[in-house]
Amino acid sequence: MNASKRALAAAVSTAALLVGLVACGGSDSSDSASSSNSAAADRAGGDTQAAEGGAQAEDGGGDAVETPLTGEAKQKAEAAALAEFPGTVIKSEEDAENPGTYAVEIKKADGSEVEVYLDPKTYKVVKTKDEAGDDD
């Protein structure tokens, strides 16, 4: 029993360290962040999505750092958003402003941008935001 508690504590500590490193300006490459999260999840015995989910931290300006989507979640979210708003995906992430949603930012053919918010369980559009006046 003590060994399993120690293993769990070590896995949680490792995951917290990885989140801290990513939040403090780790590599911009989603591949290396994804690989680090996958390795931590494998050691913890969990899945990658659980290791990445809810990993919201704040940057120096007080804005929440949004976790980029990866793997199947990324593919499904982007496909659902593009089905509603054809164009080019700029980014897809777990949304910090609307916790519990995925956000996919799309540049439409006319050059305008829209952020599409999706339910992560059903991949249905729950909200959209016109990015024309946004200064992000």
Protein backbone atom coordinates (compact mmCIF):
# COMPACT_ATOMS: atom_id res chain seq x y z
CA MET A 1 0.00 0.00 0.00
CA ASN A 2 2.82 2.44 0.88
CA ALA A 3 4.56 1.67 -2.40
CA SER A 4 1.45 2.56 -4.40
CA LYS A 5 1.04 5.83 -2.45
CA ARG A 6 4.69 6.71 -3.13
CA ALA A 7 4.28 5.88 -6.83
CA LEU A 8 1.15 8.05 -7.04
CA ALA A 9 2.88 10.92 -5.23
CA ALA A 10 5.85 10.66 -7.60
CA ALA A 11 3.56 10.66 -10.66
CA VAL A 12 1.62 13.69 -9.40
CA SER A 13 4.88 15.52 -8.65
CA THR A 14 6.21 14.71 -12.11
CA ALA A 15 3.01 15.91 -13.79
CA ALA A 16 3.06 19.15 -11.74
CA LEU A 17 6.68 19.73 -12.71
CA LEU A 18 5.91 19.20 -16.40
CA VAL A 19 2.94 21.61 -16.25
CA GLY A 20 5.16 24.17 -14.55
CA LEU A 21 7.87 23.83 -17.17
CA VAL A 22 5.40 24.20 -20.03
CA ALA A 23 3.72 27.19 -18.35
CA CYS A 24 7.07 28.90 -17.80
CA GLY A 25 7.88 28.99 -21.49
CA GLY A 26 8.92 25.50 -22.43
CA SER A 27 9.36 24.69 -26.09
CA ASP A 28 6.79 26.09 -28.53
CA SER A 29 6.74 22.67 -30.16
CA SER A 30 3.55 20.84 -29.26
CA ASP A 31 5.34 17.59 -30.08
CA SER A 32 7.84 17.94 -27.22
CA ALA A 33 5.15 19.08 -24.78
CA SER A 34 2.95 16.21 -25.87
CA SER A 35 5.81 13.74 -25.53
CA SER A 36 6.58 14.97 -22.00
CA ASN A 37 2.93 14.75 -20.99
CA SER A 38 2.64 11.29 -22.54
CA ALA A 39 5.67 10.05 -20.65
CA ALA A 40 4.28 11.40 -17.36
CA ALA A 41 0.89 9.83 -18.05
CA ASP A 42 2.50 6.49 -18.88
CA ARG A 43 4.40 6.54 -15.59
CA ALA A 44 1.22 7.49 -13.70
CA GLY A 45 -0.75 4.74 -15.41
CA GLY A 46 -3.25 7.29 -16.79
CA ASP A 47 -4.05 8.35 -20.30
CA THR A 48 -2.52 11.31 -22.11
CA GLN A 49 -5.77 13.24 -22.22
CA ALA A 50 -6.08 13.04 -18.42
CA ALA A 51 -2.51 14.28 -18.01
CA GLU A 52 -3.15 17.22 -20.34
CA GLY A 53 -6.69 18.00 -19.22
CA GLY A 54 -7.17 20.91 -16.87
CA ALA A 55 -3.52 21.87 -17.04
CA GLN A 56 -4.30 25.56 -16.82
CA ALA A 57 -1.71 27.86 -15.30
CA GLU A 58 -1.26 31.60 -15.42
CA ASP A 59 1.49 33.44 -17.23
CA GLY A 60 3.19 36.56 -15.87
CA GLY A 61 0.39 38.83 -17.12
CA GLY A 62 -2.36 36.95 -15.27
CA ASP A 63 -3.77 35.33 -18.43
CA ALA A 64 -4.46 31.63 -18.31
CA VAL A 65 -2.19 29.44 -20.43
CA GLU A 66 -4.29 27.26 -22.69
CA THR A 67 -3.22 23.69 -23.36
CA PRO A 68 -2.98 22.86 -27.08
CA LEU A 69 -5.11 19.96 -28.25
CA THR A 70 -3.30 16.86 -29.49
CA GLY A 71 -4.10 13.50 -31.02
CA GLU A 72 -7.67 12.37 -31.54
CA ALA A 73 -9.14 15.31 -29.58
CA LYS A 74 -7.35 17.75 -31.90
CA GLN A 75 -8.50 15.93 -35.05
CA LYS A 76 -12.14 15.68 -33.95
CA ALA A 77 -12.36 19.25 -32.65
CA GLU A 78 -10.82 20.74 -35.78
CA ALA A 79 -13.01 18.64 -38.08
CA ALA A 80 -16.17 19.67 -36.21
CA ALA A 81 -15.22 23.36 -36.26
CA LEU A 82 -14.29 23.27 -39.96
CA ALA A 83 -17.61 21.58 -40.77
CA GLU A 84 -19.39 24.67 -39.39
CA PHE A 85 -16.86 27.29 -40.58
CA PRO A 86 -14.77 26.23 -43.60
CA GLY A 87 -11.29 27.73 -43.67
CA THR A 88 -7.87 27.16 -42.14
CA VAL A 89 -7.27 26.20 -38.51
CA ILE A 90 -5.00 28.68 -36.75
CA LYS A 91 -4.94 26.89 -33.39
CA SER A 92 -6.92 24.48 -31.25
CA GLU A 93 -6.74 24.28 -27.47
CA GLU A 94 -8.51 23.69 -24.19
CA ASP A 95 -10.15 27.04 -23.49
CA ALA A 96 -9.29 28.83 -20.25
CA GLU A 97 -11.95 31.55 -20.62
CA ASN A 98 -14.68 28.91 -20.97
CA PRO A 99 -13.49 25.98 -18.82
CA GLY A 100 -14.69 22.60 -20.02
CA THR A 101 -14.68 23.57 -23.70
CA TYR A 102 -12.31 23.21 -26.61
CA ALA A 103 -11.58 26.29 -28.70
CA VAL A 104 -10.64 26.15 -32.39
CA GLU A 105 -9.63 29.38 -34.09
CA ILE A 106 -10.32 29.44 -37.83
CA LYS A 107 -9.36 31.86 -40.58
CA LYS A 108 -12.24 31.86 -43.05
CA ALA A 109 -11.91 32.28 -46.83
CA ASP A 110 -12.88 35.97 -46.59
CA GLY A 111 -9.94 36.57 -44.23
CA SER A 112 -12.04 37.01 -41.10
CA GLU A 113 -11.39 34.87 -38.04
CA VAL A 114 -13.79 33.05 -35.76
CA GLU A 115 -13.20 31.13 -32.55
CA VAL A 116 -15.43 28.06 -32.29
CA TYR A 117 -16.11 26.60 -28.85
CA LEU A 118 -16.94 22.89 -28.67
CA ASP A 119 -18.22 20.48 -26.05
CA PRO A 120 -15.29 18.06 -25.58
CA LYS A 121 -17.59 15.06 -25.14
CA THR A 122 -19.82 15.56 -28.19
CA TYR A 123 -17.71 17.92 -30.34
CA LYS A 124 -20.85 20.00 -30.91
CA VAL A 125 -20.50 23.78 -31.30
CA VAL A 126 -21.69 25.49 -28.10
CA LYS A 127 -20.60 29.06 -28.86
CA THR A 128 -18.66 31.17 -31.35
CA LYS A 129 -16.75 34.44 -31.12
CA ASP A 130 -15.94 36.79 -33.99
CA GLU A 131 -12.23 37.58 -33.72
CA ALA A 132 -12.44 40.84 -35.74
CA GLY A 133 -12.28 43.18 -32.75
CA ASP A 134 -10.26 40.90 -30.47
CA ASP A 135 -6.78 42.08 -29.49
CA ASP A 136 -5.42 38.70 -28.30
